[in-house]
Amino acid sequence: MFARCIRFLLVAASVLHWPQAAGAQPAVAQPATPALRGIAIDARMATDLRLGIGDSVQVSAAPGVPGERVRVDAIVQRRADPSEVARSEYRIRMHLGQLQSLLGLDDRVDRFAVGVDTTARGGAAVDTVVRRINELAFGFRAHRSRDVAVGSSRTFRVVERFHRAIGSITVVASAVFLLCLLLLTVEERKRDIAALRLMGISQSTVVRAIVIEAAIVALVGSGLGALIGWGASVLVNAHYQAVYRTPLLFALITPGILAFAVTLSLVLGILAGALAAWRLVRTPPLVLLGR
């Protein structure tokens, strides 16, 4: 029995080692294919190049230079930033180490952001953190994000002042036009006003009636103007958002703007109506009738 067991083990060992004895090479483990690193691209690039999540692309530091094959893991929508609305370049987001290896840079960055938690207990103020960083910094300088935004928005401040100037000129021209329109309207009705005066209607009643009519005209005109402005803003936003492919609003009508426009129109209408009415009621009724 013991001899049979020994013989069985020898036969099993010979069977296990037979492929190597027959000249077969042992299986060599193939190296695992390295997983592609992921990047994020903007929606404009995804639309133009017809890329989607999971697609693989090759990125390089310069055209025609062999680069690295990566996988698209996310598509990012650009923010509504006026300073970037006219730029048509594509944007790719990747890890810092991946970007440095792609560009051949080692431990070098142009800028980085530091978040300060001022709500936490014992949190330091932003000015204090900026001052401490600048005291310890060598070769770079810290700035508040608000100061950077102010420095980069000087062009938009000039544009804002230009818009204010154009708006002021438009308001003055509209006031003059409204005054002339009401003067002509009241002038055409001078015979009716003269008849009212001859019937015994007082000057204050005539002036009040003309002022109320002018206020109604101003309110109706401001309502129509608000509708026209809203429609124009919708068309402007739809056109330029499609051209620049951005969620930025190029024309906006806020409740404050609407209230200012209606109030200004009402005030100008009342003043113009009162001036036109006072000019007529001071004229004798017979003169208004041409007698």
C-alpha atoms as a PDB file:
ATOM      1  CA  MET A   1       0.000   0.000   0.000  1.00  0.00           C
ATOM      2  CA  PHE A   2       2.827   2.377   0.858  1.00  0.00           C
ATOM      3  CA  ALA A   3       4.564   1.514  -2.431  1.00  0.00           C
ATOM      4  CA  ARG A   4       1.420   2.320  -4.411  1.00  0.00           C
ATOM      5  CA  CYS A   5       1.184   5.746  -2.747  1.00  0.00           C
ATOM      6  CA  ILE A   6       4.823   6.493  -3.569  1.00  0.00           C
ATOM      7  CA  ARG A   7       4.220   5.421  -7.202  1.00  0.00           C
ATOM      8  CA  PHE A   8       1.108   7.676  -7.420  1.00  0.00           C
ATOM      9  CA  LEU A   9       3.037  10.698  -6.146  1.00  0.00           C
ATOM     10  CA  LEU A  10       5.832  10.101  -8.649  1.00  0.00           C
ATOM     11  CA  VAL A  11       3.376   9.830 -11.518  1.00  0.00           C
ATOM     12  CA  ALA A  12       1.608  13.010 -10.385  1.00  0.00           C
ATOM     13  CA  ALA A  13       4.893  14.886 -10.137  1.00  0.00           C
ATOM     14  CA  SER A  14       5.910  13.734 -13.619  1.00  0.00           C
ATOM     15  CA  VAL A  15       2.549  14.899 -15.007  1.00  0.00           C
ATOM     16  CA  LEU A  16       2.902  18.302 -13.327  1.00  0.00           C
ATOM     17  CA  HIS A  17       6.408  18.824 -14.710  1.00  0.00           C
ATOM     18  CA  TRP A  18       5.749  17.297 -18.120  1.00  0.00           C
ATOM     19  CA  PRO A  19       5.179  20.584 -20.072  1.00  0.00           C
ATOM     20  CA  GLN A  20       8.513  21.971 -18.900  1.00  0.00           C
ATOM     21  CA  ALA A  21      10.229  18.707 -19.684  1.00  0.00           C
ATOM     22  CA  ALA A  22       8.660  18.689 -23.146  1.00  0.00           C
ATOM     23  CA  GLY A  23      10.284  22.026 -23.916  1.00  0.00           C
ATOM     24  CA  ALA A  24       7.303  24.334 -23.278  1.00  0.00           C
ATOM     25  CA  GLN A  25       8.225  27.759 -21.864  1.00  0.00           C
ATOM     26  CA  PRO A  26       6.560  28.888 -18.647  1.00  0.00           C
ATOM     27  CA  ALA A  27       3.874  31.566 -19.032  1.00  0.00           C
ATOM     28  CA  VAL A  28       5.240  35.065 -18.547  1.00  0.00           C
ATOM     29  CA  ALA A  29       2.908  37.612 -16.922  1.00  0.00           C
ATOM     30  CA  GLN A  30       2.161  40.466 -19.316  1.00  0.00           C
ATOM     31  CA  PRO A  31       2.593  43.962 -17.879  1.00  0.00           C
ATOM     32  CA  ALA A  32      -0.732  45.641 -17.126  1.00  0.00           C
ATOM     33  CA  THR A  33      -1.687  48.499 -19.422  1.00  0.00           C
ATOM     34  CA  PRO A  34      -1.414  51.730 -17.438  1.00  0.00           C
ATOM     35  CA  ALA A  35      -4.751  53.433 -16.904  1.00  0.00           C
ATOM     36  CA  LEU A  36      -5.281  56.701 -18.735  1.00  0.00           C
ATOM     37  CA  ARG A  37      -5.289  59.786 -16.580  1.00  0.00           C
ATOM     38  CA  GLY A  38      -8.404  61.898 -16.708  1.00  0.00           C
ATOM     39  CA  ILE A  39      -8.846  65.525 -17.749  1.00  0.00           C
ATOM     40  CA  ALA A  40     -11.750  67.982 -17.927  1.00  0.00           C
ATOM     41  CA  ILE A  41     -12.526  70.004 -21.051  1.00  0.00           C
ATOM     42  CA  ASP A  42     -14.845  72.947 -21.590  1.00  0.00           C
ATOM     43  CA  ALA A  43     -18.197  72.608 -23.316  1.00  0.00           C
ATOM     44  CA  ARG A  44     -17.041  74.672 -26.312  1.00  0.00           C
ATOM     45  CA  MET A  45     -14.233  72.230 -27.044  1.00  0.00           C
ATOM     46  CA  ALA A  46     -16.531  69.248 -26.563  1.00  0.00           C
ATOM     47  CA  THR A  47     -19.038  70.688 -29.039  1.00  0.00           C
ATOM     48  CA  ASP A  48     -16.523  71.681 -31.725  1.00  0.00           C
ATOM     49  CA  LEU A  49     -14.463  68.475 -31.577  1.00  0.00           C
ATOM     50  CA  ARG A  50     -17.446  66.209 -30.868  1.00  0.00           C
ATOM     51  CA  LEU A  51     -15.959  64.808 -27.697  1.00  0.00           C
ATOM     52  CA  GLY A  52     -17.802  63.134 -24.871  1.00  0.00           C
ATOM     53  CA  ILE A  53     -17.063  61.673 -21.466  1.00  0.00           C
ATOM     54  CA  GLY A  54     -14.931  58.546 -21.826  1.00  0.00           C
ATOM     55  CA  ASP A  55     -13.270  59.538 -25.112  1.00  0.00           C
ATOM     56  CA  SER A  56      -9.480  59.387 -25.260  1.00  0.00           C
ATOM     57  CA  VAL A  57      -7.410  62.213 -26.751  1.00  0.00           C
ATOM     58  CA  GLN A  58      -3.722  63.014 -27.021  1.00  0.00           C
ATOM     59  CA  VAL A  59      -2.424  66.226 -25.480  1.00  0.00           C
ATOM     60  CA  SER A  60       0.996  67.750 -26.053  1.00  0.00           C
ATOM     61  CA  ALA A  61       2.790  70.967 -25.191  1.00  0.00           C
ATOM     62  CA  ALA A  62       3.199  72.010 -28.845  1.00  0.00           C
ATOM     63  CA  PRO A  63       1.668  70.986 -32.188  1.00  0.00           C
ATOM     64  CA  GLY A  64       3.356  67.998 -33.807  1.00  0.00           C
ATOM     65  CA  VAL A  65       5.104  66.960 -30.595  1.00  0.00           C
ATOM     66  CA  PRO A  66       4.348  63.505 -29.138  1.00  0.00           C
ATOM     67  CA  GLY A  67       2.281  63.938 -26.036  1.00  0.00           C
ATOM     68  CA  GLU A  68       0.288  61.913 -23.575  1.00  0.00           C
ATOM     69  CA  ARG A  69      -2.914  60.028 -24.187  1.00  0.00           C
ATOM     70  CA  VAL A  70      -5.598  60.962 -21.658  1.00  0.00           C
ATOM     71  CA  ARG A  71      -9.278  60.311 -21.086  1.00  0.00           C
ATOM     72  CA  VAL A  72     -12.074  62.896 -20.906  1.00  0.00           C
ATOM     73  CA  ASP A  73     -13.635  62.519 -17.478  1.00  0.00           C
ATOM     74  CA  ALA A  74     -15.690  65.725 -17.256  1.00  0.00           C
ATOM     75  CA  ILE A  75     -17.093  68.543 -19.383  1.00  0.00           C
ATOM     76  CA  VAL A  76     -17.094  71.951 -17.677  1.00  0.00           C
ATOM     77  CA  GLN A  77     -19.349  74.866 -18.588  1.00  0.00           C
ATOM     78  CA  ARG A  78     -17.615  78.229 -18.613  1.00  0.00           C
ATOM     79  CA  ARG A  79     -18.711  80.860 -16.141  1.00  0.00           C
ATOM     80  CA  ALA A  80     -20.285  84.143 -17.187  1.00  0.00           C
ATOM     81  CA  ASP A  81     -17.066  86.169 -17.101  1.00  0.00           C
ATOM     82  CA  PRO A  82     -17.078  89.392 -19.163  1.00  0.00           C
ATOM     83  CA  SER A  83     -13.265  89.401 -19.392  1.00  0.00           C
ATOM     84  CA  GLU A  84     -13.285  86.059 -21.211  1.00  0.00           C
ATOM     85  CA  VAL A  85     -16.341  86.406 -23.403  1.00  0.00           C
ATOM     86  CA  ALA A  86     -14.391  87.362 -26.559  1.00  0.00           C
ATOM     87  CA  ARG A  87     -11.736  84.660 -26.176  1.00  0.00           C
ATOM     88  CA  SER A  88     -12.186  81.715 -28.507  1.00  0.00           C
ATOM     89  CA  GLU A  89      -9.480  79.409 -27.166  1.00  0.00           C
ATOM     90  CA  TYR A  90     -10.192  76.004 -25.700  1.00  0.00           C
ATOM     91  CA  ARG A  91      -9.559  75.112 -22.072  1.00  0.00           C
ATOM     92  CA  ILE A  92      -8.393  71.865 -20.481  1.00  0.00           C
ATOM     93  CA  ARG A  93      -8.181  71.166 -16.757  1.00  0.00           C
ATOM     94  CA  MET A  94      -5.788  68.543 -15.467  1.00  0.00           C
ATOM     95  CA  HIS A  95      -3.892  67.700 -12.305  1.00  0.00           C
ATOM     96  CA  LEU A  96      -0.924  69.906 -11.459  1.00  0.00           C
ATOM     97  CA  GLY A  97       1.611  67.090 -11.605  1.00  0.00           C
ATOM     98  CA  GLN A  98       0.235  65.939 -14.935  1.00  0.00           C
ATOM     99  CA  LEU A  99       0.467  69.458 -16.347  1.00  0.00           C
ATOM    100  CA  GLN A 100       4.030  69.960 -15.091  1.00  0.00           C
ATOM    101  CA  SER A 101       5.195  66.687 -16.637  1.00  0.00           C
ATOM    102  CA  LEU A 102       3.492  67.577 -19.913  1.00  0.00           C
ATOM    103  CA  LEU A 103       5.118  71.030 -20.089  1.00  0.00           C
ATOM    104  CA  GLY A 104       8.468  69.851 -18.772  1.00  0.00           C
ATOM    105  CA  LEU A 105       8.262  72.042 -15.685  1.00  0.00           C
ATOM    106  CA  ASP A 106       9.286  70.911 -12.240  1.00  0.00           C
ATOM    107  CA  ASP A 107       7.689  72.497  -9.170  1.00  0.00           C
ATOM    108  CA  ARG A 108       6.820  75.706 -10.986  1.00  0.00           C
ATOM    109  CA  VAL A 109       3.473  77.537 -11.143  1.00  0.00           C
ATOM    110  CA  ASP A 110       2.399  80.971 -12.325  1.00  0.00           C
ATOM    111  CA  ARG A 111      -0.279  81.603  -9.708  1.00  0.00           C
ATOM    112  CA  PHE A 112      -2.322  79.768  -7.146  1.00  0.00           C
ATOM    113  CA  ALA A 113      -5.285  80.630  -4.927  1.00  0.00           C
ATOM    114  CA  VAL A 114      -5.550  80.279  -1.161  1.00  0.00           C
ATOM    115  CA  GLY A 115      -8.944  80.098   0.525  1.00  0.00           C
ATOM    116  CA  VAL A 116      -9.348  81.768   3.915  1.00  0.00           C
ATOM    117  CA  ASP A 117     -12.116  80.507   6.194  1.00  0.00           C
ATOM    118  CA  THR A 118     -13.220  83.625   8.046  1.00  0.00           C
ATOM    119  CA  THR A 119     -16.361  81.992   9.453  1.00  0.00           C
ATOM    120  CA  ALA A 120     -14.590  79.332  11.498  1.00  0.00           C
ATOM    121  CA  ARG A 121     -13.869  79.952  15.149  1.00  0.00           C
ATOM    122  CA  GLY A 122     -10.641  81.831  15.499  1.00  0.00           C
ATOM    123  CA  GLY A 123     -10.427  82.418  11.746  1.00  0.00           C
ATOM    124  CA  ALA A 124      -8.041  85.141  10.661  1.00  0.00           C
ATOM    125  CA  ALA A 125      -9.083  88.103   8.571  1.00  0.00           C
ATOM    126  CA  VAL A 126      -8.120  88.147   4.908  1.00  0.00           C
ATOM    127  CA  ASP A 127      -5.989  91.286   5.288  1.00  0.00           C
ATOM    128  CA  THR A 128      -4.028  89.674   8.102  1.00  0.00           C
ATOM    129  CA  VAL A 129      -3.363  86.530   6.055  1.00  0.00           C
ATOM    130  CA  VAL A 130      -2.252  88.562   3.043  1.00  0.00           C
ATOM    131  CA  ARG A 131       0.106  90.628   5.198  1.00  0.00           C
ATOM    132  CA  ARG A 132       1.658  87.551   6.797  1.00  0.00           C
ATOM    133  CA  ILE A 133       2.172  85.844   3.449  1.00  0.00           C
ATOM    134  CA  ASN A 134       3.844  88.925   2.005  1.00  0.00           C
ATOM    135  CA  GLU A 135       6.117  89.165   5.051  1.00  0.00           C
ATOM    136  CA  LEU A 136       7.271  85.571   4.602  1.00  0.00           C
ATOM    137  CA  ALA A 137       7.114  85.351   0.806  1.00  0.00           C
ATOM    138  CA  PHE A 138      10.180  85.343  -1.408  1.00  0.00           C
ATOM    139  CA  GLY A 139       9.775  85.700  -5.172  1.00  0.00           C
ATOM    140  CA  PHE A 140       6.014  86.160  -5.193  1.00  0.00           C
ATOM    141  CA  ARG A 141       3.361  88.390  -3.713  1.00  0.00           C
ATOM    142  CA  ALA A 142      -0.150  87.791  -2.362  1.00  0.00           C
ATOM    143  CA  HIS A 143      -3.153  89.893  -3.404  1.00  0.00           C
ATOM    144  CA  ARG A 144      -6.791  89.911  -2.417  1.00  0.00           C
ATOM    145  CA  SER A 145      -9.098  88.441  -5.031  1.00  0.00           C
ATOM    146  CA  ARG A 146     -11.187  91.607  -4.841  1.00  0.00           C
ATOM    147  CA  ASP A 147      -8.171  93.775  -5.691  1.00  0.00           C
ATOM    148  CA  VAL A 148      -7.321  91.534  -8.637  1.00  0.00           C
ATOM    149  CA  ALA A 149     -10.911  91.789  -9.891  1.00  0.00           C
ATOM    150  CA  VAL A 150     -10.854  95.591  -9.593  1.00  0.00           C
ATOM    151  CA  GLY A 151      -7.576  95.791 -11.496  1.00  0.00           C
ATOM    152  CA  SER A 152      -8.854  93.594 -14.324  1.00  0.00           C
ATOM    153  CA  SER A 153     -12.193  95.429 -14.619  1.00  0.00           C
ATOM    154  CA  ARG A 154     -10.913  98.918 -15.407  1.00  0.00           C
ATOM    155  CA  THR A 155     -11.945  98.511 -19.034  1.00  0.00           C
ATOM    156  CA  PHE A 156     -15.479  97.706 -17.991  1.00  0.00           C
ATOM    157  CA  ARG A 157     -15.545 100.791 -15.762  1.00  0.00           C
ATOM    158  CA  VAL A 158     -14.736 102.942 -18.783  1.00  0.00           C
ATOM    159  CA  VAL A 159     -17.517 101.212 -20.711  1.00  0.00           C
ATOM    160  CA  GLU A 160     -19.898 101.770 -17.792  1.00  0.00           C
ATOM    161  CA  ARG A 161     -19.119 105.496 -17.725  1.00  0.00           C
ATOM    162  CA  PHE A 162     -19.675 105.668 -21.470  1.00  0.00           C
ATOM    163  CA  HIS A 163     -23.056 103.973 -21.044  1.00  0.00           C
ATOM    164  CA  ARG A 164     -23.975 106.410 -18.280  1.00  0.00           C
ATOM    165  CA  ALA A 165     -23.113 109.342 -20.532  1.00  0.00           C
ATOM    166  CA  ILE A 166     -25.184 107.914 -23.385  1.00  0.00           C
ATOM    167  CA  GLY A 167     -28.055 107.267 -20.968  1.00  0.00           C
ATOM    168  CA  SER A 168     -27.946 110.836 -19.623  1.00  0.00           C
ATOM    169  CA  ILE A 169     -27.994 112.293 -23.128  1.00  0.00           C
ATOM    170  CA  THR A 170     -30.921 110.023 -24.021  1.00  0.00           C
ATOM    171  CA  VAL A 171     -32.871 111.109 -20.929  1.00  0.00           C
ATOM    172  CA  VAL A 172     -32.347 114.805 -21.705  1.00  0.00           C
ATOM    173  CA  ALA A 173     -33.338 114.334 -25.337  1.00  0.00           C
ATOM    174  CA  SER A 174     -36.428 112.350 -24.293  1.00  0.00           C
ATOM    175  CA  ALA A 175     -37.440 115.093 -21.866  1.00  0.00           C
ATOM    176  CA  VAL A 176     -37.164 117.759 -24.552  1.00  0.00           C
ATOM    177  CA  PHE A 177     -39.099 115.591 -27.010  1.00  0.00           C
ATOM    178  CA  LEU A 178     -41.842 114.910 -24.433  1.00  0.00           C
ATOM    179  CA  LEU A 179     -42.155 118.619 -23.621  1.00  0.00           C
ATOM    180  CA  CYS A 180     -42.437 119.554 -27.306  1.00  0.00           C
ATOM    181  CA  LEU A 181     -45.003 116.794 -27.884  1.00  0.00           C
ATOM    182  CA  LEU A 182     -47.202 117.932 -25.006  1.00  0.00           C
ATOM    183  CA  LEU A 183     -46.906 121.580 -26.045  1.00  0.00           C
ATOM    184  CA  LEU A 184     -48.070 120.707 -29.559  1.00  0.00           C
ATOM    185  CA  THR A 185     -50.879 118.535 -28.214  1.00  0.00           C
ATOM    186  CA  VAL A 186     -52.138 121.225 -25.860  1.00  0.00           C
ATOM    187  CA  GLU A 187     -51.693 123.895 -28.544  1.00  0.00           C
ATOM    188  CA  GLU A 188     -54.039 121.994 -30.854  1.00  0.00           C
ATOM    189  CA  ARG A 189     -56.653 121.960 -28.096  1.00  0.00           C
ATOM    190  CA  LYS A 190     -56.484 125.661 -27.262  1.00  0.00           C
ATOM    191  CA  ARG A 191     -60.010 126.271 -28.590  1.00  0.00           C
ATOM    192  CA  ASP A 192     -61.378 123.562 -26.276  1.00  0.00           C
ATOM    193  CA  ILE A 193     -59.502 125.079 -23.344  1.00  0.00           C
ATOM    194  CA  ALA A 194     -60.795 128.532 -24.226  1.00  0.00           C
ATOM    195  CA  ALA A 195     -64.364 127.190 -24.321  1.00  0.00           C
ATOM    196  CA  LEU A 196     -63.866 125.613 -20.883  1.00  0.00           C
ATOM    197  CA  ARG A 197     -62.569 128.889 -19.526  1.00  0.00           C
ATOM    198  CA  LEU A 198     -65.541 130.801 -20.960  1.00  0.00           C
ATOM    199  CA  MET A 199     -67.887 128.258 -19.351  1.00  0.00           C
ATOM    200  CA  GLY A 200     -66.451 129.173 -15.957  1.00  0.00           C
ATOM    201  CA  ILE A 201     -63.997 126.326 -15.420  1.00  0.00           C
ATOM    202  CA  SER A 202     -61.187 127.555 -13.180  1.00  0.00           C
ATOM    203  CA  GLN A 203     -57.555 127.652 -14.201  1.00  0.00           C
ATOM    204  CA  SER A 204     -56.539 125.089 -11.574  1.00  0.00           C
ATOM    205  CA  THR A 205     -59.119 122.603 -12.879  1.00  0.00           C
ATOM    206  CA  VAL A 206     -57.861 122.976 -16.443  1.00  0.00           C
ATOM    207  CA  VAL A 207     -54.254 122.588 -15.345  1.00  0.00           C
ATOM    208  CA  ARG A 208     -55.138 119.535 -13.241  1.00  0.00           C
ATOM    209  CA  ALA A 209     -56.926 117.879 -16.162  1.00  0.00           C
ATOM    210  CA  ILE A 210     -54.014 118.453 -18.521  1.00  0.00           C
ATOM    211  CA  VAL A 211     -51.489 117.208 -15.939  1.00  0.00           C
ATOM    212  CA  ILE A 212     -53.494 114.015 -15.319  1.00  0.00           C
ATOM    213  CA  GLU A 213     -53.713 113.407 -19.055  1.00  0.00           C
ATOM    214  CA  ALA A 214     -49.963 113.933 -19.407  1.00  0.00           C
ATOM    215  CA  ALA A 215     -49.297 111.512 -16.528  1.00  0.00           C
ATOM    216  CA  ILE A 216     -51.466 108.836 -18.161  1.00  0.00           C
ATOM    217  CA  VAL A 217     -49.638 109.320 -21.455  1.00  0.00           C
ATOM    218  CA  ALA A 218     -46.279 109.028 -19.647  1.00  0.00           C
ATOM    219  CA  LEU A 219     -47.340 105.817 -17.858  1.00  0.00           C
ATOM    220  CA  VAL A 220     -48.615 104.221 -21.060  1.00  0.00           C
ATOM    221  CA  GLY A 221     -45.460 105.254 -22.893  1.00  0.00           C
ATOM    222  CA  SER A 222     -43.195 103.896 -20.158  1.00  0.00           C
ATOM    223  CA  GLY A 223     -45.111 100.587 -20.205  1.00  0.00           C
ATOM    224  CA  LEU A 224     -44.706 100.272 -23.961  1.00  0.00           C
ATOM    225  CA  GLY A 225     -41.048 101.228 -23.648  1.00  0.00           C
ATOM    226  CA  ALA A 226     -40.509  98.562 -20.980  1.00  0.00           C
ATOM    227  CA  LEU A 227     -42.064  95.903 -23.251  1.00  0.00           C
ATOM    228  CA  ILE A 228     -39.929  97.007 -26.200  1.00  0.00           C
ATOM    229  CA  GLY A 229     -36.801  97.033 -24.019  1.00  0.00           C
ATOM    230  CA  TRP A 230     -37.559  93.562 -22.639  1.00  0.00           C
ATOM    231  CA  GLY A 231     -38.068  92.167 -26.141  1.00  0.00           C
ATOM    232  CA  ALA A 232     -34.856  93.810 -27.363  1.00  0.00           C
ATOM    233  CA  SER A 233     -32.891  92.404 -24.402  1.00  0.00           C
ATOM    234  CA  VAL A 234     -34.185  88.894 -25.132  1.00  0.00           C
ATOM    235  CA  LEU A 235     -33.099  89.158 -28.775  1.00  0.00           C
ATOM    236  CA  VAL A 236     -29.695  90.627 -27.874  1.00  0.00           C
ATOM    237  CA  ASN A 237     -28.984  87.935 -25.287  1.00  0.00           C
ATOM    238  CA  ALA A 238     -30.099  85.127 -27.589  1.00  0.00           C
ATOM    239  CA  HIS A 239     -27.913  86.394 -30.436  1.00  0.00           C
ATOM    240  CA  TYR A 240     -24.698  87.117 -28.553  1.00  0.00           C
ATOM    241  CA  GLN A 241     -24.950  84.091 -26.274  1.00  0.00           C
ATOM    242  CA  ALA A 242     -25.116  81.957 -29.414  1.00  0.00           C
ATOM    243  CA  VAL A 243     -22.203  83.820 -31.018  1.00  0.00           C
ATOM    244  CA  TYR A 244     -19.875  83.670 -28.008  1.00  0.00           C
ATOM    245  CA  ARG A 245     -21.383  80.483 -26.491  1.00  0.00           C
ATOM    246  CA  THR A 246     -21.540  81.898 -23.002  1.00  0.00           C
ATOM    247  CA  PRO A 247     -24.284  82.204 -20.356  1.00  0.00           C
ATOM    248  CA  LEU A 248     -23.378  85.875 -19.880  1.00  0.00           C
ATOM    249  CA  LEU A 249     -26.299  88.315 -20.069  1.00  0.00           C
ATOM    250  CA  PHE A 250     -25.470  91.168 -22.441  1.00  0.00           C
ATOM    251  CA  ALA A 251     -28.682  93.125 -21.778  1.00  0.00           C
ATOM    252  CA  LEU A 252     -30.585  93.025 -18.513  1.00  0.00           C
ATOM    253  CA  ILE A 253     -33.687  94.847 -17.295  1.00  0.00           C
ATOM    254  CA  THR A 254     -33.849  94.771 -13.507  1.00  0.00           C
ATOM    255  CA  PRO A 255     -36.735  95.928 -11.291  1.00  0.00           C
ATOM    256  CA  GLY A 256     -34.578  98.866 -10.220  1.00  0.00           C
ATOM    257  CA  ILE A 257     -34.054  99.977 -13.819  1.00  0.00           C
ATOM    258  CA  LEU A 258     -37.762  99.571 -14.556  1.00  0.00           C
ATOM    259  CA  ALA A 259     -38.788 101.561 -11.480  1.00  0.00           C
ATOM    260  CA  PHE A 260     -36.291 104.323 -12.325  1.00  0.00           C
ATOM    261  CA  ALA A 261     -37.548 104.545 -15.915  1.00  0.00           C
ATOM    262  CA  VAL A 262     -41.228 104.659 -14.943  1.00  0.00           C
ATOM    263  CA  THR A 263     -40.615 107.232 -12.197  1.00  0.00           C
ATOM    264  CA  LEU A 264     -38.519 109.428 -14.465  1.00  0.00           C
ATOM    265  CA  SER A 265     -41.094 109.222 -17.249  1.00  0.00           C
ATOM    266  CA  LEU A 266     -43.913 110.095 -14.866  1.00  0.00           C
ATOM    267  CA  VAL A 267     -42.048 113.054 -13.381  1.00  0.00           C
ATOM    268  CA  LEU A 268     -41.076 114.413 -16.791  1.00  0.00           C
ATOM    269  CA  GLY A 269     -44.612 113.946 -18.090  1.00  0.00           C
ATOM    270  CA  ILE A 270     -46.152 115.792 -15.154  1.00  0.00           C
ATOM    271  CA  LEU A 271     -43.664 118.661 -15.421  1.00  0.00           C
ATOM    272  CA  ALA A 272     -44.120 118.972 -19.180  1.00  0.00           C
ATOM    273  CA  GLY A 273     -47.922 118.837 -18.873  1.00  0.00           C
ATOM    274  CA  ALA A 274     -47.945 121.410 -16.086  1.00  0.00           C
ATOM    275  CA  LEU A 275     -45.691 123.740 -18.087  1.00  0.00           C
ATOM    276  CA  ALA A 276     -47.821 123.428 -21.222  1.00  0.00           C
ATOM    277  CA  ALA A 277     -51.070 123.889 -19.297  1.00  0.00           C
ATOM    278  CA  TRP A 278     -49.781 126.909 -17.378  1.00  0.00           C
ATOM    279  CA  ARG A 279     -48.675 128.511 -20.616  1.00  0.00           C
ATOM    280  CA  LEU A 280     -52.218 128.257 -22.036  1.00  0.00           C
ATOM    281  CA  VAL A 281     -54.273 129.175 -18.982  1.00  0.00           C
ATOM    282  CA  ARG A 282     -52.338 132.431 -18.646  1.00  0.00           C
ATOM    283  CA  THR A 283     -53.545 133.411 -22.111  1.00  0.00           C
ATOM    284  CA  PRO A 284     -56.958 135.101 -22.234  1.00  0.00           C
ATOM    285  CA  PRO A 285     -59.709 132.839 -23.661  1.00  0.00           C
ATOM    286  CA  LEU A 286     -60.579 135.283 -26.445  1.00  0.00           C
ATOM    287  CA  VAL A 287     -56.973 135.350 -27.576  1.00  0.00           C
ATOM    288  CA  LEU A 288     -57.028 131.538 -27.713  1.00  0.00           C
ATOM    289  CA  LEU A 289     -60.129 131.713 -29.888  1.00  0.00           C
ATOM    290  CA  GLY A 290     -58.400 134.177 -32.205  1.00  0.00           C
ATOM    291  CA  ARG A 291     -60.716 137.073 -31.442  1.00  0.00           C
END
